[in-house]
Amino acid sequence: MADEKEGFTLNELEPNAGENTRDGQPITSSDLDAVYGIPVEVAAVLGKAEMQVSHLLKLGRGAVIELDRKVGEAIDIYVNNRLVARGEVVVVEDRLGITMTEIIKSDRIG
């Protein structure tokens, strides 16, 4: 299919010849059941700031810390301390959420 899909599932993927196969057979979601239960840590970083410990200790309730990002700038999304995407903060009902706008491709495995 030439159309790009958003929100696809593993079962909708068609392996290319020689790719995503095991012993010549397509890999299916049941082949990945063992990894579905592995917990991962996801962190969304709004920005960073540097300050001396003495200044940090003087901060009180209501203090504002200026971050290194501008309003509307993409935030970094880390999975297990590895940058994997960038996104935007969204409000979902009364909670904050993240919409991924860019996937960071990495050639490094492991």
N, C-alpha and C. Protein backbone atom coordinates (compact mmCIF):
# COMPACT_ATOMS: atom_id res chain seq x y z
N MET A 1 0.83 -1.18 0.00
CA MET A 1 0.00 0.00 0.00
C MET A 1 0.87 1.24 0.00
N ALA A 2 0.53 2.21 -0.80
CA ALA A 2 1.32 3.43 -0.91
C ALA A 2 0.92 4.45 0.15
N ASP A 3 -0.27 4.31 0.72
CA ASP A 3 -0.73 5.28 1.72
C ASP A 3 0.03 5.09 3.02
N GLU A 4 0.41 6.23 3.65
CA GLU A 4 1.02 6.16 4.96
C GLU A 4 -0.08 6.08 6.00
N LYS A 5 0.13 5.24 7.03
CA LYS A 5 -0.88 5.07 8.07
C LYS A 5 -0.38 5.68 9.35
N GLU A 6 -1.28 6.29 10.09
CA GLU A 6 -0.98 6.73 11.44
C GLU A 6 -1.74 5.83 12.38
N GLY A 7 -1.14 5.51 13.50
CA GLY A 7 -1.81 4.68 14.49
C GLY A 7 -1.97 3.24 14.06
N PHE A 8 -1.03 2.72 13.27
CA PHE A 8 -1.13 1.34 12.83
C PHE A 8 -0.75 0.40 13.95
N THR A 9 -1.13 -0.85 13.81
CA THR A 9 -0.74 -1.87 14.77
C THR A 9 0.25 -2.81 14.10
N LEU A 10 0.93 -3.61 14.90
CA LEU A 10 1.92 -4.52 14.36
C LEU A 10 1.29 -5.48 13.35
N ASN A 11 0.06 -5.89 13.58
CA ASN A 11 -0.60 -6.82 12.66
C ASN A 11 -0.84 -6.21 11.29
N GLU A 12 -0.86 -4.87 11.19
CA GLU A 12 -1.11 -4.23 9.91
C GLU A 12 0.16 -4.05 9.10
N LEU A 13 1.32 -4.30 9.70
CA LEU A 13 2.57 -4.15 8.98
C LEU A 13 2.82 -5.35 8.08
N GLU A 14 3.25 -5.08 6.88
CA GLU A 14 3.60 -6.16 5.96
C GLU A 14 5.10 -6.16 5.83
N PRO A 15 5.78 -7.26 6.19
CA PRO A 15 7.23 -7.27 6.11
C PRO A 15 7.71 -7.23 4.66
N ASN A 16 8.81 -6.50 4.44
CA ASN A 16 9.46 -6.51 3.13
C ASN A 16 10.26 -7.79 3.02
N ALA A 17 10.59 -8.16 1.81
CA ALA A 17 11.34 -9.40 1.59
C ALA A 17 12.64 -9.35 2.39
N GLY A 18 12.87 -10.34 3.22
CA GLY A 18 14.09 -10.42 4.00
C GLY A 18 14.10 -9.58 5.26
N GLU A 19 13.10 -8.75 5.49
CA GLU A 19 13.04 -7.91 6.69
C GLU A 19 11.90 -8.37 7.57
N ASN A 20 12.05 -8.14 8.89
CA ASN A 20 11.00 -8.47 9.85
C ASN A 20 10.52 -9.91 9.73
N THR A 21 11.47 -10.80 9.55
CA THR A 21 11.11 -12.21 9.46
C THR A 21 11.96 -13.01 10.43
N ARG A 22 11.45 -14.18 10.79
CA ARG A 22 12.18 -15.12 11.61
C ARG A 22 12.00 -16.47 10.95
N ASP A 23 13.08 -17.09 10.58
CA ASP A 23 13.04 -18.37 9.87
C ASP A 23 12.18 -18.28 8.62
N GLY A 24 12.21 -17.13 7.95
CA GLY A 24 11.46 -16.95 6.72
C GLY A 24 9.99 -16.63 6.91
N GLN A 25 9.52 -16.61 8.17
CA GLN A 25 8.11 -16.32 8.45
C GLN A 25 7.97 -14.90 8.98
N PRO A 26 6.88 -14.19 8.63
CA PRO A 26 6.68 -12.83 9.13
C PRO A 26 6.58 -12.81 10.66
N ILE A 27 7.13 -11.78 11.27
CA ILE A 27 7.01 -11.59 12.72
C ILE A 27 5.64 -11.01 13.01
N THR A 28 4.94 -11.59 13.96
CA THR A 28 3.61 -11.13 14.33
C THR A 28 3.62 -10.60 15.76
N SER A 29 2.50 -10.02 16.17
CA SER A 29 2.42 -9.48 17.53
C SER A 29 2.60 -10.57 18.58
N SER A 30 2.20 -11.78 18.30
CA SER A 30 2.37 -12.86 19.29
C SER A 30 3.84 -13.18 19.52
N ASP A 31 4.69 -12.89 18.54
CA ASP A 31 6.13 -13.09 18.71
C ASP A 31 6.72 -12.08 19.69
N LEU A 32 6.02 -10.98 19.91
CA LEU A 32 6.53 -9.93 20.79
C LEU A 32 5.85 -9.92 22.15
N ASP A 33 5.00 -10.90 22.45
CA ASP A 33 4.29 -10.93 23.72
C ASP A 33 5.24 -10.83 24.91
N ALA A 34 6.41 -11.41 24.81
CA ALA A 34 7.35 -11.42 25.93
C ALA A 34 7.84 -10.02 26.29
N VAL A 35 7.87 -9.10 25.34
CA VAL A 35 8.39 -7.77 25.63
C VAL A 35 7.30 -6.77 26.01
N TYR A 36 6.05 -7.09 25.78
CA TYR A 36 4.97 -6.14 26.06
C TYR A 36 4.86 -5.78 27.54
N GLY A 37 5.26 -6.66 28.44
CA GLY A 37 5.14 -6.41 29.87
C GLY A 37 6.36 -5.74 30.49
N ILE A 38 7.38 -5.44 29.70
CA ILE A 38 8.60 -4.84 30.24
C ILE A 38 8.35 -3.36 30.52
N PRO A 39 8.57 -2.91 31.76
CA PRO A 39 8.35 -1.49 32.07
C PRO A 39 9.47 -0.62 31.50
N VAL A 40 9.11 0.55 31.03
CA VAL A 40 10.07 1.54 30.56
C VAL A 40 9.76 2.87 31.22
N GLU A 41 10.77 3.70 31.39
CA GLU A 41 10.58 5.02 31.99
C GLU A 41 10.48 6.04 30.86
N VAL A 42 9.40 6.81 30.85
CA VAL A 42 9.20 7.85 29.86
C VAL A 42 9.26 9.20 30.57
N ALA A 43 10.09 10.11 30.05
CA ALA A 43 10.23 11.44 30.64
C ALA A 43 10.04 12.49 29.55
N ALA A 44 9.26 13.51 29.85
CA ALA A 44 9.07 14.64 28.96
C ALA A 44 9.75 15.84 29.59
N VAL A 45 10.77 16.36 28.95
CA VAL A 45 11.59 17.43 29.51
C VAL A 45 11.16 18.76 28.89
N LEU A 46 10.60 19.62 29.74
CA LEU A 46 10.17 20.95 29.30
C LEU A 46 11.34 21.87 29.05
N GLY A 47 12.40 21.71 29.80
CA GLY A 47 13.57 22.55 29.67
C GLY A 47 14.51 22.30 30.83
N LYS A 48 15.65 22.98 30.80
CA LYS A 48 16.66 22.82 31.84
C LYS A 48 17.13 24.18 32.31
N ALA A 49 17.71 24.20 33.51
CA ALA A 49 18.29 25.41 34.07
C ALA A 49 19.48 25.02 34.93
N GLU A 50 20.48 25.91 34.99
CA GLU A 50 21.64 25.70 35.85
C GLU A 50 21.66 26.79 36.91
N MET A 51 21.98 26.40 38.12
CA MET A 51 22.14 27.38 39.19
C MET A 51 23.02 26.79 40.27
N GLN A 52 23.56 27.68 41.08
CA GLN A 52 24.40 27.25 42.19
C GLN A 52 23.51 26.68 43.30
N VAL A 53 24.06 25.77 44.07
CA VAL A 53 23.32 25.16 45.17
C VAL A 53 22.84 26.24 46.14
N SER A 54 23.65 27.25 46.38
CA SER A 54 23.26 28.31 47.32
C SER A 54 22.00 29.04 46.83
N HIS A 55 21.89 29.25 45.53
CA HIS A 55 20.69 29.90 44.97
C HIS A 55 19.49 28.95 45.05
N LEU A 56 19.73 27.67 44.78
CA LEU A 56 18.67 26.67 44.85
C LEU A 56 18.07 26.60 46.25
N LEU A 57 18.94 26.67 47.27
CA LEU A 57 18.48 26.60 48.65
C LEU A 57 17.68 27.82 49.08
N LYS A 58 17.85 28.93 48.38
CA LYS A 58 17.11 30.15 48.71
C LYS A 58 15.73 30.21 48.05
N LEU A 59 15.45 29.29 47.16
CA LEU A 59 14.15 29.30 46.49
C LEU A 59 13.05 28.97 47.48
N GLY A 60 11.95 29.66 47.36
CA GLY A 60 10.82 29.40 48.23
C GLY A 60 9.57 29.11 47.41
N ARG A 61 8.48 28.92 48.09
CA ARG A 61 7.21 28.65 47.44
C ARG A 61 6.88 29.80 46.47
N GLY A 62 6.48 29.44 45.25
CA GLY A 62 6.12 30.43 44.25
C GLY A 62 7.30 30.96 43.44
N ALA A 63 8.50 30.49 43.73
CA ALA A 63 9.68 30.94 42.98
C ALA A 63 9.56 30.47 41.53
N VAL A 64 10.08 31.26 40.62
CA VAL A 64 10.05 30.93 39.19
C VAL A 64 11.47 30.66 38.74
N ILE A 65 11.66 29.55 38.06
CA ILE A 65 12.96 29.19 37.51
C ILE A 65 12.85 29.29 35.99
N GLU A 66 13.68 30.13 35.40
CA GLU A 66 13.66 30.30 33.95
C GLU A 66 14.35 29.12 33.29
N LEU A 67 13.66 28.50 32.34
CA LEU A 67 14.21 27.35 31.61
C LEU A 67 14.86 27.81 30.31
N ASP A 68 15.60 26.90 29.69
CA ASP A 68 16.33 27.23 28.47
C ASP A 68 15.48 27.12 27.20
N ARG A 69 14.18 26.97 27.34
CA ARG A 69 13.29 26.84 26.18
C ARG A 69 12.34 28.02 26.12
N LYS A 70 11.86 28.29 24.91
CA LYS A 70 10.88 29.35 24.71
C LYS A 70 9.48 28.74 24.67
N VAL A 71 8.47 29.56 24.91
CA VAL A 71 7.08 29.11 24.83
C VAL A 71 6.82 28.60 23.41
N GLY A 72 6.21 27.46 23.31
CA GLY A 72 5.87 26.88 22.02
C GLY A 72 6.97 26.03 21.41
N GLU A 73 8.15 26.05 22.01
CA GLU A 73 9.25 25.23 21.51
C GLU A 73 9.01 23.77 21.88
N ALA A 74 9.44 22.86 21.02
CA ALA A 74 9.23 21.43 21.25
C ALA A 74 9.92 20.97 22.53
N ILE A 75 9.31 20.01 23.20
CA ILE A 75 9.92 19.40 24.38
C ILE A 75 10.56 18.08 23.98
N ASP A 76 11.52 17.63 24.75
CA ASP A 76 12.21 16.37 24.46
C ASP A 76 11.52 15.23 25.20
N ILE A 77 11.37 14.10 24.52
CA ILE A 77 10.76 12.91 25.11
C ILE A 77 11.82 11.82 25.16
N TYR A 78 12.10 11.36 26.37
CA TYR A 78 13.11 10.33 26.59
C TYR A 78 12.44 9.03 27.01
N VAL A 79 12.96 7.92 26.52
CA VAL A 79 12.56 6.60 26.99
C VAL A 79 13.82 5.92 27.49
N ASN A 80 13.80 5.55 28.77
CA ASN A 80 14.98 4.98 29.43
C ASN A 80 16.22 5.83 29.17
N ASN A 81 16.08 7.13 29.39
CA ASN A 81 17.17 8.11 29.27
C ASN A 81 17.73 8.25 27.86
N ARG A 82 17.00 7.82 26.86
CA ARG A 82 17.42 7.99 25.47
C ARG A 82 16.40 8.87 24.75
N LEU A 83 16.89 9.93 24.10
CA LEU A 83 16.01 10.82 23.36
C LEU A 83 15.40 10.07 22.19
N VAL A 84 14.05 9.98 22.17
CA VAL A 84 13.39 9.23 21.10
C VAL A 84 12.43 10.09 20.28
N ALA A 85 12.01 11.24 20.83
CA ALA A 85 11.03 12.04 20.10
C ALA A 85 11.02 13.46 20.65
N ARG A 86 10.34 14.32 19.91
CA ARG A 86 10.03 15.68 20.38
C ARG A 86 8.53 15.86 20.26
N GLY A 87 7.98 16.76 21.06
CA GLY A 87 6.53 16.92 21.02
C GLY A 87 6.07 18.23 21.61
N GLU A 88 4.76 18.33 21.75
CA GLU A 88 4.10 19.52 22.30
C GLU A 88 3.26 19.12 23.50
N VAL A 89 3.17 20.03 24.45
CA VAL A 89 2.31 19.81 25.61
C VAL A 89 0.86 20.08 25.20
N VAL A 90 -0.05 19.19 25.59
CA VAL A 90 -1.47 19.37 25.32
C VAL A 90 -2.23 19.15 26.62
N VAL A 91 -3.45 19.65 26.66
CA VAL A 91 -4.32 19.43 27.81
C VAL A 91 -5.39 18.44 27.41
N VAL A 92 -5.51 17.36 28.19
CA VAL A 92 -6.52 16.32 27.96
C VAL A 92 -7.39 16.29 29.19
N GLU A 93 -8.62 16.79 29.06
CA GLU A 93 -9.52 16.98 30.19
C GLU A 93 -8.82 17.85 31.23
N ASP A 94 -8.51 17.34 32.42
CA ASP A 94 -7.84 18.16 33.42
C ASP A 94 -6.39 17.73 33.64
N ARG A 95 -5.81 17.04 32.67
CA ARG A 95 -4.43 16.55 32.78
C ARG A 95 -3.58 17.05 31.62
N LEU A 96 -2.28 17.08 31.86
CA LEU A 96 -1.35 17.41 30.79
C LEU A 96 -0.98 16.15 30.03
N GLY A 97 -0.72 16.30 28.75
CA GLY A 97 -0.30 15.20 27.92
C GLY A 97 0.73 15.68 26.91
N ILE A 98 1.21 14.78 26.10
CA ILE A 98 2.21 15.09 25.09
C ILE A 98 1.73 14.57 23.75
N THR A 99 1.85 15.40 22.72
CA THR A 99 1.63 14.97 21.35
C THR A 99 2.99 14.89 20.69
N MET A 100 3.37 13.71 20.20
CA MET A 100 4.66 13.58 19.53
C MET A 100 4.57 14.20 18.15
N THR A 101 5.53 15.08 17.85
CA THR A 101 5.56 15.75 16.56
C THR A 101 6.74 15.31 15.70
N GLU A 102 7.74 14.68 16.33
CA GLU A 102 8.93 14.26 15.60
C GLU A 102 9.52 13.04 16.28
N ILE A 103 9.80 12.01 15.51
CA ILE A 103 10.48 10.82 16.03
C ILE A 103 11.97 10.98 15.71
N ILE A 104 12.81 10.78 16.71
CA ILE A 104 14.25 10.88 16.53
C ILE A 104 14.78 9.51 16.17
N LYS A 105 15.30 9.39 14.96
CA LYS A 105 15.84 8.09 14.51
C LYS A 105 17.27 7.95 14.99
N SER A 106 17.60 6.77 15.46
CA SER A 106 18.95 6.50 15.94
C SER A 106 19.45 5.23 15.29
N ASP A 107 20.67 5.28 14.79
CA ASP A 107 21.26 4.09 14.19
C ASP A 107 21.84 3.18 15.26
N ARG A 108 21.96 3.72 16.48
CA ARG A 108 22.56 2.96 17.58
C ARG A 108 21.55 2.01 18.17
N ILE A 109 21.87 0.74 18.23
CA ILE A 109 21.01 -0.27 18.84
C ILE A 109 21.73 -0.79 20.08
N GLY A 110 20.95 -0.91 21.19
CA GLY A 110 21.52 -1.49 22.40
C GLY A 110 22.19 -0.54 23.30
